[in-house]
Amino acid sequence: MSPILESTRSATLAEAARASRRRLGFKALAMLALAAIAIIYLGPLLTVVNVSLKSSQSFNLSPTSVSTDLRFGNFAEAWKRASFPVYVSNSVVYTAVATLIYAATAVFVAFPISRKYVRGSGFLFGLYVVAMFLPSALVPQFQMMLHLHLYNTRLGYILLFLVNPMGVIILVNYISSVPRELDEAATMDGCGYARFVASIVFPLVKPALASVIVLHAIGVWNDYATALIYLPKKALMPITRGLMVFYGQFGNDWTVLSAAMLMLMLPMAALFLALQRWIIDGILQGSVKS
């Protein structure tokens, strides 16, 4: 082999080695950044898990130390003290009814806006976008609930969660990727609007609808401020209000409260795990179609 070819080959190999080292360096930095982000996100959750397994004495002596007590009895105590069966049943009813009604109506609202079948659909969509940045109209809303005799009622509380601009925006953007030829074919077959949306649109937007359901359900399940204002009756309180029994005048029972918070988190975690396949499909399909 000539000296020129040997020199060229050596330079190529050296450049390939440098490129490989750069890729490894970038990959290592990316892994470190992802690990740091994971620690930031998981740190509070792991802290709550650690505190929930401590005894009160151990927590008072060293709140941040790793638990060695493994007091699983804190969960049973939290279940009894917070009247979990009553409050959880209330939260399940509020979350399930409000989410199902909202998800169904959101599709029927988003479809004509996305297809521009109504006059001023662009203006309507803009109103939903603007509504995301507007503050809550608490005073007129409270007055309206009083005048309609819906204050301190299950129906009134559920009605407060039937309007959410984020879900409509997500569905409008996703429905725009559904082929219009389906609308024309359904019209030629004599399929009505309600039947078309229920039998054709709903299955096609299942990934986006799963995301909307999870986001809306989490918002209703974790709500505290609205329940504090509109549900003073103890029998109607959701579980977020039930956590107040762990706050005392002379101190808070942090270990049992942490156990209650973990139990409060489990239903929404289960819902996400049940719908994660459609959520991931929606993200992937949206990225490809865009």
Protein backbone atom coordinates (compact mmCIF):
# COMPACT_ATOMS: atom_id res chain seq x y z
CA MET A 1 0.00 0.00 0.00
CA SER A 2 1.34 3.39 -0.94
CA PRO A 3 2.24 5.94 1.75
CA ILE A 4 -0.52 8.30 0.56
CA LEU A 5 -3.23 5.64 0.87
CA GLU A 6 -1.85 4.56 4.25
CA SER A 7 -1.92 8.16 5.46
CA THR A 8 -5.45 8.67 4.18
CA ARG A 9 -6.63 5.47 5.86
CA SER A 10 -5.02 6.44 9.15
CA ALA A 11 -6.64 9.89 9.03
CA THR A 12 -10.05 8.34 8.28
CA LEU A 13 -9.73 5.87 11.16
CA ALA A 14 -8.63 8.63 13.51
CA GLU A 15 -11.58 10.83 12.49
CA ALA A 16 -13.98 7.88 12.96
CA ALA A 17 -12.52 7.25 16.42
CA ARG A 18 -12.94 10.94 17.38
CA ALA A 19 -16.53 10.91 16.09
CA SER A 20 -17.27 7.77 18.10
CA ARG A 21 -15.82 9.37 21.25
CA ARG A 22 -17.93 12.49 20.67
CA ARG A 23 -21.07 10.37 20.31
CA LEU A 24 -20.26 8.51 23.50
CA GLY A 25 -19.65 11.82 25.26
CA PHE A 26 -22.95 13.27 24.10
CA LYS A 27 -24.75 10.06 25.09
CA ALA A 28 -23.17 10.17 28.55
CA LEU A 29 -24.18 13.81 29.00
CA ALA A 30 -27.73 13.02 27.86
CA MET A 31 -27.96 10.13 30.32
CA LEU A 32 -26.71 12.34 33.15
CA ALA A 33 -29.25 15.03 32.26
CA LEU A 34 -32.07 12.47 32.14
CA ALA A 35 -30.94 11.02 35.48
CA ALA A 36 -30.95 14.50 37.04
CA ILE A 37 -34.45 15.20 35.71
CA ALA A 38 -35.66 11.82 37.01
CA ILE A 39 -34.25 12.57 40.46
CA ILE A 40 -35.95 15.98 40.47
CA TYR A 41 -39.30 14.44 39.55
CA LEU A 42 -39.05 11.28 41.65
CA GLY A 43 -37.46 12.93 44.68
CA PRO A 44 -40.69 14.26 46.23
CA LEU A 45 -42.51 10.97 45.58
CA LEU A 46 -39.74 8.90 47.15
CA THR A 47 -39.73 11.28 50.11
CA VAL A 48 -43.47 10.73 50.65
CA VAL A 49 -42.99 6.95 50.42
CA ASN A 50 -40.16 7.13 52.94
CA VAL A 51 -42.15 9.25 55.40
CA SER A 52 -45.22 7.01 55.07
CA LEU A 53 -43.19 4.06 56.39
CA LYS A 54 -41.85 5.91 59.45
CA SER A 55 -43.20 6.01 62.95
CA SER A 56 -44.10 9.39 64.43
CA GLN A 57 -41.15 9.21 66.81
CA SER A 58 -38.72 8.36 64.03
CA PHE A 59 -40.04 11.18 61.84
CA ASN A 60 -39.76 13.73 64.65
CA LEU A 61 -36.17 12.67 65.36
CA SER A 62 -35.00 12.69 61.75
CA PRO A 63 -37.54 13.58 59.02
CA THR A 64 -35.11 13.05 56.13
CA SER A 65 -33.42 9.80 57.21
CA VAL A 66 -34.19 6.52 55.47
CA SER A 67 -37.00 4.64 57.16
CA THR A 68 -36.04 1.51 59.09
CA ASP A 69 -39.39 1.05 60.85
CA LEU A 70 -41.47 0.00 57.79
CA ARG A 71 -44.71 0.94 59.52
CA PHE A 72 -47.27 -0.40 57.04
CA GLY A 73 -49.87 0.12 59.72
CA ASN A 74 -49.88 3.81 58.78
CA PHE A 75 -51.96 2.91 55.72
CA ALA A 76 -54.59 1.09 57.76
CA GLU A 77 -54.72 3.97 60.24
CA ALA A 78 -55.12 6.50 57.43
CA TRP A 79 -57.94 4.44 55.93
CA LYS A 80 -59.87 4.45 59.21
CA ARG A 81 -59.17 7.98 60.37
CA ALA A 82 -59.97 9.75 57.10
CA SER A 83 -63.22 7.83 56.55
CA PHE A 84 -61.80 6.73 53.22
CA PRO A 85 -64.79 4.60 52.12
CA VAL A 86 -67.15 7.61 52.25
CA TYR A 87 -64.81 10.17 50.76
CA VAL A 88 -63.38 7.84 48.13
CA SER A 89 -66.87 6.85 46.96
CA ASN A 90 -67.72 10.54 46.59
CA SER A 91 -64.54 11.19 44.60
CA VAL A 92 -65.16 8.17 42.38
CA VAL A 93 -68.68 9.38 41.57
CA TYR A 94 -67.56 12.97 40.87
CA THR A 95 -64.58 11.91 38.76
CA ALA A 96 -66.34 9.18 36.77
CA VAL A 97 -69.52 11.12 35.98
CA ALA A 98 -67.80 14.43 35.21
CA THR A 99 -65.10 12.81 33.06
CA LEU A 100 -67.45 10.60 31.04
CA ILE A 101 -69.89 13.42 30.33
CA TYR A 102 -67.09 15.83 29.48
CA ALA A 103 -65.27 13.37 27.17
CA ALA A 104 -68.47 12.59 25.25
CA THR A 105 -69.56 16.21 24.84
CA ALA A 106 -66.03 17.37 24.00
CA VAL A 107 -65.92 15.10 20.94
CA PHE A 108 -69.32 16.36 19.72
CA VAL A 109 -68.10 19.96 20.17
CA ALA A 110 -64.63 19.45 18.69
CA PHE A 111 -65.75 17.61 15.54
CA PRO A 112 -67.76 20.40 13.84
CA ILE A 113 -65.14 22.98 14.87
CA SER A 114 -62.35 20.89 13.41
CA ARG A 115 -64.28 20.28 10.17
CA LYS A 116 -65.48 23.92 10.01
CA TYR A 117 -69.08 22.75 9.73
CA VAL A 118 -70.29 25.68 11.85
CA ARG A 119 -70.04 29.35 10.99
CA GLY A 120 -67.20 31.07 12.82
CA SER A 121 -65.49 27.82 13.79
CA GLY A 122 -62.07 29.50 13.74
CA PHE A 123 -63.38 32.19 16.10
CA LEU A 124 -64.84 29.54 18.41
CA PHE A 125 -61.55 27.67 18.48
CA GLY A 126 -59.78 30.92 19.29
CA LEU A 127 -62.15 31.46 22.23
CA TYR A 128 -61.19 28.06 23.63
CA VAL A 129 -57.52 28.95 23.32
CA VAL A 130 -58.04 32.31 25.03
CA ALA A 131 -60.10 30.66 27.78
CA MET A 132 -57.03 28.70 28.85
CA PHE A 133 -55.35 31.93 29.96
CA LEU A 134 -58.31 33.61 31.64
CA PRO A 135 -58.61 33.61 35.44
CA SER A 136 -61.43 31.74 37.12
CA ALA A 137 -64.70 33.73 37.33
CA LEU A 138 -65.20 32.67 40.92
CA VAL A 139 -67.56 35.41 42.14
CA PRO A 140 -70.16 35.27 39.29
CA GLN A 141 -69.86 31.49 39.24
CA PHE A 142 -70.60 31.31 42.96
CA GLN A 143 -73.59 33.66 42.57
CA MET A 144 -74.93 31.56 39.69
CA MET A 145 -74.67 28.37 41.74
CA LEU A 146 -76.59 30.01 44.57
CA HIS A 147 -79.37 31.30 42.34
CA LEU A 148 -79.75 27.91 40.62
CA HIS A 149 -79.90 26.17 44.01
CA LEU A 150 -76.94 23.99 43.06
CA TYR A 151 -74.68 25.06 45.91
CA ASN A 152 -73.66 22.19 48.19
CA THR A 153 -75.08 19.53 45.85
CA ARG A 154 -73.47 16.69 43.91
CA LEU A 155 -75.02 17.86 40.65
CA GLY A 156 -73.72 21.40 41.04
CA TYR A 157 -70.21 20.21 41.83
CA ILE A 158 -70.15 17.90 38.79
CA LEU A 159 -71.44 20.65 36.49
CA LEU A 160 -68.44 22.79 37.41
CA PHE A 161 -66.14 20.29 35.68
CA LEU A 162 -68.00 19.95 32.40
CA VAL A 163 -66.13 22.83 30.75
CA ASN A 164 -62.42 22.49 30.01
CA PRO A 165 -60.86 24.17 26.96
CA MET A 166 -57.74 22.00 26.96
CA GLY A 167 -59.59 18.81 26.03
CA VAL A 168 -61.46 20.48 23.18
CA ILE A 169 -58.22 21.91 21.79
CA ILE A 170 -56.54 18.49 21.87
CA LEU A 171 -59.48 16.84 20.11
CA VAL A 172 -59.83 19.56 17.47
CA ASN A 173 -56.18 19.19 16.48
CA TYR A 174 -56.41 15.40 16.39
CA ILE A 175 -59.70 15.20 14.49
CA SER A 176 -58.22 17.41 11.77
CA SER A 177 -56.00 14.43 10.83
CA VAL A 178 -59.02 12.16 10.26
CA PRO A 179 -59.76 11.91 6.48
CA ARG A 180 -62.73 13.95 5.28
CA GLU A 181 -63.63 11.16 2.86
CA LEU A 182 -65.22 9.35 5.80
CA ASP A 183 -67.67 12.23 6.24
CA GLU A 184 -68.67 12.11 2.59
CA ALA A 185 -69.06 8.33 2.61
CA ALA A 186 -71.21 8.48 5.74
CA THR A 187 -73.39 11.19 4.20
CA MET A 188 -73.93 9.16 1.05
CA ASP A 189 -74.94 6.15 3.18
CA GLY A 190 -77.49 8.28 5.05
CA CYS A 191 -75.64 8.17 8.36
CA GLY A 192 -76.79 10.90 10.74
CA TYR A 193 -74.48 13.26 12.57
CA ALA A 194 -74.89 11.74 16.04
CA ARG A 195 -74.51 8.19 14.71
CA PHE A 196 -71.45 9.13 12.65
CA VAL A 197 -69.67 10.75 15.60
CA ALA A 198 -70.59 7.92 17.97
CA SER A 199 -69.71 5.01 15.66
CA ILE A 200 -66.92 6.45 13.47
CA VAL A 201 -65.25 9.43 15.13
CA PHE A 202 -65.05 8.04 18.67
CA PRO A 203 -63.03 4.91 17.69
CA LEU A 204 -60.71 6.96 15.46
CA VAL A 205 -59.88 9.54 18.14
CA LYS A 206 -59.42 6.96 20.90
CA PRO A 207 -55.73 7.87 21.52
CA ALA A 208 -56.49 11.59 21.92
CA LEU A 209 -59.62 10.80 23.92
CA ALA A 210 -57.55 8.67 26.32
CA SER A 211 -55.25 11.64 26.96
CA VAL A 212 -58.23 13.92 27.54
CA ILE A 213 -59.82 11.42 29.95
CA VAL A 214 -56.64 11.04 31.99
CA LEU A 215 -55.98 14.78 32.22
CA HIS A 216 -59.57 15.62 33.12
CA ALA A 217 -59.92 12.79 35.63
CA ILE A 218 -56.73 13.82 37.40
CA GLY A 219 -58.00 17.40 37.61
CA VAL A 220 -61.31 16.34 39.16
CA TRP A 221 -59.79 13.74 41.49
CA ASN A 222 -57.13 16.11 42.86
CA ASP A 223 -59.42 19.13 43.16
CA TYR A 224 -59.41 20.77 46.56
CA ALA A 225 -60.23 24.46 46.15
CA THR A 226 -63.55 23.92 44.36
CA ALA A 227 -64.67 21.34 46.89
CA LEU A 228 -63.67 23.65 49.73
CA ILE A 229 -65.94 26.39 48.36
CA TYR A 230 -68.92 24.48 46.99
CA LEU A 231 -69.19 21.38 49.21
CA PRO A 232 -69.23 22.36 52.90
CA LYS A 233 -71.43 19.39 53.81
CA LYS A 234 -69.23 16.63 55.22
CA ALA A 235 -71.20 13.79 53.62
CA LEU A 236 -70.53 15.24 50.14
CA MET A 237 -66.81 15.96 50.53
CA PRO A 238 -64.31 14.29 48.18
CA ILE A 239 -61.20 12.56 49.47
CA THR A 240 -59.03 15.68 49.07
CA ARG A 241 -61.12 17.35 51.77
CA GLY A 242 -60.88 14.21 53.88
CA LEU A 243 -57.12 14.69 54.16
CA MET A 244 -57.75 17.69 56.38
CA VAL A 245 -58.34 15.36 59.36
CA PHE A 246 -54.55 14.89 59.56
CA TYR A 247 -53.95 18.59 60.17
CA GLY A 248 -54.15 19.55 63.83
CA GLN A 249 -53.89 22.71 65.88
CA PHE A 250 -50.77 21.51 67.66
CA GLY A 251 -49.13 19.58 64.86
CA ASN A 252 -49.72 17.45 61.79
CA ASP A 253 -49.49 13.68 61.58
CA TRP A 254 -47.14 13.63 58.61
CA THR A 255 -46.51 9.87 58.54
CA VAL A 256 -50.18 8.91 58.31
CA LEU A 257 -50.87 11.84 55.98
CA SER A 258 -48.15 10.60 53.61
CA ALA A 259 -49.72 7.14 53.62
CA ALA A 260 -53.11 8.67 52.81
CA MET A 261 -51.59 10.67 49.95
CA LEU A 262 -50.10 7.53 48.43
CA MET A 263 -53.44 5.75 48.61
CA LEU A 264 -55.04 8.80 47.02
CA MET A 265 -52.57 8.56 44.13
CA LEU A 266 -53.22 4.90 43.29
CA PRO A 267 -56.55 5.23 41.37
CA MET A 268 -55.16 7.81 38.95
CA ALA A 269 -51.97 5.79 38.49
CA ALA A 270 -54.10 2.74 37.67
CA LEU A 271 -56.15 4.79 35.18
CA PHE A 272 -53.00 5.99 33.45
CA LEU A 273 -51.58 2.47 33.25
CA ALA A 274 -54.86 1.21 31.81
CA LEU A 275 -54.91 3.88 29.08
CA GLN A 276 -51.18 4.34 28.47
CA ARG A 277 -51.22 2.29 25.25
CA TRP A 278 -53.69 4.68 23.62
CA ILE A 279 -51.91 7.71 25.05
CA ILE A 280 -48.58 6.61 23.58
CA ASP A 281 -50.25 5.76 20.27
CA GLY A 282 -51.79 9.23 20.18
CA ILE A 283 -48.41 10.88 20.75
CA LEU A 284 -46.71 8.77 18.08
CA GLN A 285 -49.49 9.18 15.52
CA GLY A 286 -49.64 12.91 16.13
CA SER A 287 -45.90 13.25 15.59
CA VAL A 288 -46.05 11.29 12.34
CA LYS A 289 -49.10 13.07 10.96
CA SER A 290 -47.81 16.50 11.79
